[in-house]
């Protein structure tokens, strides 16, 4: 596995923010901005846990397995990777299934993109192609397509991602710790409204 600056990985994009404010950890936020695979892993983990928990996962994983290298993670003994996910504090509330999901994601990045996660978006021809590429990643449904698309468009300036930005509050609009808190509050309010509507119906 690589180390140092290579270990962190760097996108070939012209616009790269110094951090993505999706966690309460400065180190985790910087990793998300600088390492495209970390960003994909964060989105992979973003289900049934809070946003900060999901996006803190890539840093925990890097610390436990040595680096974020797609080919290396794909080639790991699944039991060893699961153990890394289960190590306390656990990376996810469902460490076994999410370890498998992340390993599948890394295999796709290694096999189809030569280990360079940023190629998922830097080589997309247009919005339709980008939507197709993101949607082909293990576990990336409609919500994650627009979520990742919003981050790529609003934080990295990816032209092909502009059409993927939703009108509702999204992760791409989080540009500070305060914005993260506001997003989480808005998300809770939205879920509460949906539950109320379902109960009324």
Protein backbone atom coordinates (compact mmCIF):
# COMPACT_ATOMS: atom_id res chain seq x y z
CA UNK A 1 0.00 0.00 0.00
CA UNK A 2 1.10 3.52 -0.65
CA UNK A 3 1.89 6.09 2.02
CA UNK A 4 2.32 9.80 2.60
CA UNK A 5 0.74 12.14 0.10
CA UNK A 6 -0.01 9.24 -2.26
CA UNK A 7 -1.88 7.53 0.52
CA UNK A 8 -4.25 10.46 0.82
CA UNK A 9 -4.88 10.55 -2.92
CA UNK A 10 -5.56 13.70 -4.91
CA UNK A 11 -8.25 14.40 -7.44
CA UNK A 12 -7.26 15.66 -10.88
CA UNK A 13 -10.05 18.26 -10.68
CA UNK A 14 -9.15 21.94 -10.99
CA UNK A 15 -11.47 22.85 -8.12
CA UNK A 16 -10.76 20.92 -4.93
CA UNK A 17 -12.06 22.27 -1.60
CA UNK A 18 -9.79 22.09 1.42
CA UNK A 19 -12.46 20.16 3.30
CA UNK A 20 -15.99 18.82 3.04
CA UNK A 21 -17.83 19.65 6.25
CA UNK A 22 -19.73 16.38 6.57
CA UNK A 23 -18.29 15.28 9.93
CA UNK A 24 -17.18 16.86 13.20
CA UNK A 25 -13.55 15.87 12.51
CA UNK A 26 -11.25 18.24 10.62
CA UNK A 27 -9.04 15.33 9.58
CA UNK A 28 -11.99 13.32 8.25
CA UNK A 29 -13.36 16.36 6.41
CA UNK A 30 -10.00 17.00 4.74
CA UNK A 31 -9.70 13.36 3.70
CA UNK A 32 -13.12 13.47 2.05
CA UNK A 33 -12.07 16.48 -0.02
CA UNK A 34 -8.67 15.16 -1.01
CA UNK A 35 -9.32 11.46 -1.58
CA UNK A 36 -12.01 10.59 -4.13
CA UNK A 37 -12.25 7.00 -2.88
CA UNK A 38 -12.89 8.29 0.64
CA UNK A 39 -15.79 10.33 -0.73
CA UNK A 40 -17.30 7.29 -2.44
CA UNK A 41 -16.87 5.15 0.67
CA UNK A 42 -18.55 7.84 2.75
CA UNK A 43 -21.57 7.81 0.45
CA UNK A 44 -21.58 4.03 0.49
CA UNK A 45 -21.85 4.13 4.29
CA UNK A 46 -24.52 6.86 4.28
CA UNK A 47 -27.56 4.80 5.19
CA UNK A 48 -29.24 4.08 8.52
CA UNK A 49 -26.67 6.21 10.36
CA UNK A 50 -26.19 9.96 10.71
CA UNK A 51 -24.28 11.87 8.04
CA UNK A 52 -21.31 12.57 10.39
CA UNK A 53 -21.11 8.87 11.33
CA UNK A 54 -21.14 7.75 7.70
CA UNK A 55 -18.55 10.21 6.47
CA UNK A 56 -16.23 9.69 9.43
CA UNK A 57 -16.01 6.07 8.30
CA UNK A 58 -13.38 6.50 5.57
CA UNK A 59 -10.83 7.96 8.01
CA UNK A 60 -11.47 5.17 10.53
CA UNK A 61 -11.06 2.61 7.77
CA UNK A 62 -7.81 4.19 6.58
CA UNK A 63 -6.44 4.18 10.09
CA UNK A 64 -7.34 0.53 10.61
CA UNK A 65 -6.23 -1.01 7.31
CA UNK A 66 -3.27 1.29 6.54
CA UNK A 67 -4.50 3.22 3.51
CA UNK A 68 -7.44 3.74 1.22
CA UNK A 69 -6.34 1.81 -1.83
CA UNK A 70 -9.15 0.32 -3.90
CA UNK A 71 -7.24 -2.70 -5.17
CA UNK A 72 -5.81 -3.50 -1.74
CA UNK A 73 -9.20 -3.28 -0.01
CA UNK A 74 -10.82 -5.34 -2.75
CA UNK A 75 -8.18 -8.03 -2.26
CA UNK A 76 -8.44 -8.16 1.54
CA UNK A 77 -9.68 -11.23 3.36
CA UNK A 78 -13.36 -10.36 3.91
CA UNK A 79 -13.11 -11.48 7.53
CA UNK A 80 -10.21 -9.09 8.15
CA UNK A 81 -12.09 -6.20 6.59
CA UNK A 82 -15.17 -7.01 8.64
CA UNK A 83 -13.03 -7.08 11.78
CA UNK A 84 -11.75 -3.60 10.92
CA UNK A 85 -15.35 -2.41 10.60
CA UNK A 86 -16.34 -3.99 13.91
CA UNK A 87 -13.39 -2.61 15.87
CA UNK A 88 -14.73 -0.18 18.45
CA UNK A 89 -15.99 2.34 17.77
CA UNK A 90 -17.61 0.43 14.91
CA UNK A 91 -17.50 2.14 11.53
CA UNK A 92 -21.20 1.49 10.96
CA UNK A 93 -24.14 0.11 12.91
CA UNK A 94 -24.21 -2.78 10.42
CA UNK A 95 -20.46 -3.48 10.11
CA UNK A 96 -20.72 -6.86 8.41
CA UNK A 97 -22.97 -5.85 5.54
CA UNK A 98 -21.26 -2.51 5.07
CA UNK A 99 -17.79 -4.06 5.01
CA UNK A 100 -19.04 -6.26 2.17
CA UNK A 101 -20.57 -3.27 0.40
CA UNK A 102 -17.36 -1.22 0.64
CA UNK A 103 -15.29 -4.16 -0.60
CA UNK A 104 -17.61 -4.52 -3.59
CA UNK A 105 -17.31 -0.79 -4.27
CA UNK A 106 -13.52 -0.96 -4.14
CA UNK A 107 -13.51 -3.91 -6.52
CA UNK A 108 -15.49 -1.89 -9.07
CA UNK A 109 -13.16 1.10 -8.69
CA UNK A 110 -10.10 -1.14 -9.02
CA UNK A 111 -11.39 -3.16 -11.97
CA UNK A 112 -13.27 -0.55 -13.99
CA UNK A 113 -11.42 2.65 -13.11
CA UNK A 114 -7.89 1.39 -12.52
CA UNK A 115 -8.14 2.29 -8.84
CA UNK A 116 -8.81 5.98 -9.55
CA UNK A 117 -12.19 6.76 -8.06
CA UNK A 118 -12.28 10.28 -9.52
CA UNK A 119 -12.54 8.80 -13.00
CA UNK A 120 -16.18 7.99 -12.20
CA UNK A 121 -16.90 11.70 -12.68
CA UNK A 122 -13.92 13.24 -14.46
CA UNK A 123 -14.47 10.99 -17.48
CA UNK A 124 -18.27 11.31 -17.59
CA UNK A 125 -19.42 12.65 -20.95
CA UNK A 126 -22.52 14.42 -19.62
CA UNK A 127 -25.12 14.31 -16.86
CA UNK A 128 -26.76 11.16 -18.19
CA UNK A 129 -23.42 9.36 -18.36
CA UNK A 130 -22.51 10.50 -14.85
CA UNK A 131 -25.87 9.36 -13.50
CA UNK A 132 -25.31 5.96 -15.12
CA UNK A 133 -21.76 5.66 -13.75
CA UNK A 134 -22.75 6.54 -10.19
CA UNK A 135 -25.85 4.35 -10.34
CA UNK A 136 -23.71 1.37 -11.38
CA UNK A 137 -21.71 1.54 -8.14
CA UNK A 138 -22.78 -1.02 -5.50
CA UNK A 139 -25.49 0.41 -3.28
CA UNK A 140 -25.85 3.75 -5.08
CA UNK A 141 -29.55 4.39 -5.68
CA UNK A 142 -31.39 7.54 -6.71
CA UNK A 143 -30.79 9.45 -3.47
CA UNK A 144 -27.06 8.78 -3.49
CA UNK A 145 -26.82 9.71 -7.16
CA UNK A 146 -28.24 13.17 -6.44
CA UNK A 147 -26.36 13.42 -3.13
CA UNK A 148 -22.97 12.71 -4.68
CA UNK A 149 -23.94 14.72 -7.75
CA UNK A 150 -24.67 17.76 -5.59
CA UNK A 151 -21.27 17.51 -3.89
CA UNK A 152 -19.48 17.13 -7.21
CA UNK A 153 -21.35 20.07 -8.75
CA UNK A 154 -21.35 22.52 -5.87
CA UNK A 155 -18.05 21.69 -4.16
CA UNK A 156 -15.85 20.43 -7.02
CA UNK A 157 -17.33 22.31 -9.97
CA UNK A 158 -18.01 19.20 -12.05
CA UNK A 159 -20.00 20.45 -15.05
CA UNK A 160 -21.61 17.07 -15.79
CA UNK A 161 -23.02 16.98 -12.25
CA UNK A 162 -24.92 20.28 -12.41
CA UNK A 163 -28.15 18.64 -13.58
CA UNK A 164 -28.03 16.16 -10.69
CA UNK A 165 -28.39 18.82 -7.98
CA UNK A 166 -31.83 18.51 -6.34
CA UNK A 167 -33.97 21.46 -5.24
CA UNK A 168 -34.34 20.16 -1.68
CA UNK A 169 -31.58 20.46 0.99
CA UNK A 170 -28.63 18.35 -0.07
CA UNK A 171 -25.12 17.43 1.04
CA UNK A 172 -23.53 19.54 -1.69
CA UNK A 173 -24.76 22.73 -0.04
CA UNK A 174 -23.00 21.96 3.25
CA UNK A 175 -20.00 24.29 3.35
CA UNK A 176 -19.47 24.79 7.09
CA UNK A 177 -20.12 23.10 10.45
CA UNK A 178 -23.13 25.39 10.83
CA UNK A 179 -24.52 24.29 7.47
CA UNK A 180 -24.14 20.65 8.53
CA UNK A 181 -26.19 21.33 11.68
CA UNK A 182 -28.84 23.12 9.61
CA UNK A 183 -28.97 20.24 7.13
CA UNK A 184 -29.44 17.69 9.87
CA UNK A 185 -32.22 19.77 11.44
CA UNK A 186 -33.94 20.15 8.06
CA UNK A 187 -33.61 16.42 7.42
CA UNK A 188 -35.19 15.61 10.79
CA UNK A 189 -38.03 18.05 10.11
CA UNK A 190 -38.59 16.54 6.66
CA UNK A 191 -38.78 13.02 8.08
CA UNK A 192 -41.14 14.16 10.81
CA UNK A 193 -43.40 15.78 8.21
CA UNK A 194 -43.39 12.60 6.13
CA UNK A 195 -44.33 10.50 9.17
CA UNK A 196 -47.11 12.92 10.05
CA UNK A 197 -48.45 12.83 6.48
CA UNK A 198 -48.33 9.03 6.45
CA UNK A 199 -50.21 8.87 9.76
CA UNK A 200 -52.84 11.31 8.53
CA UNK A 201 -53.26 9.34 5.33
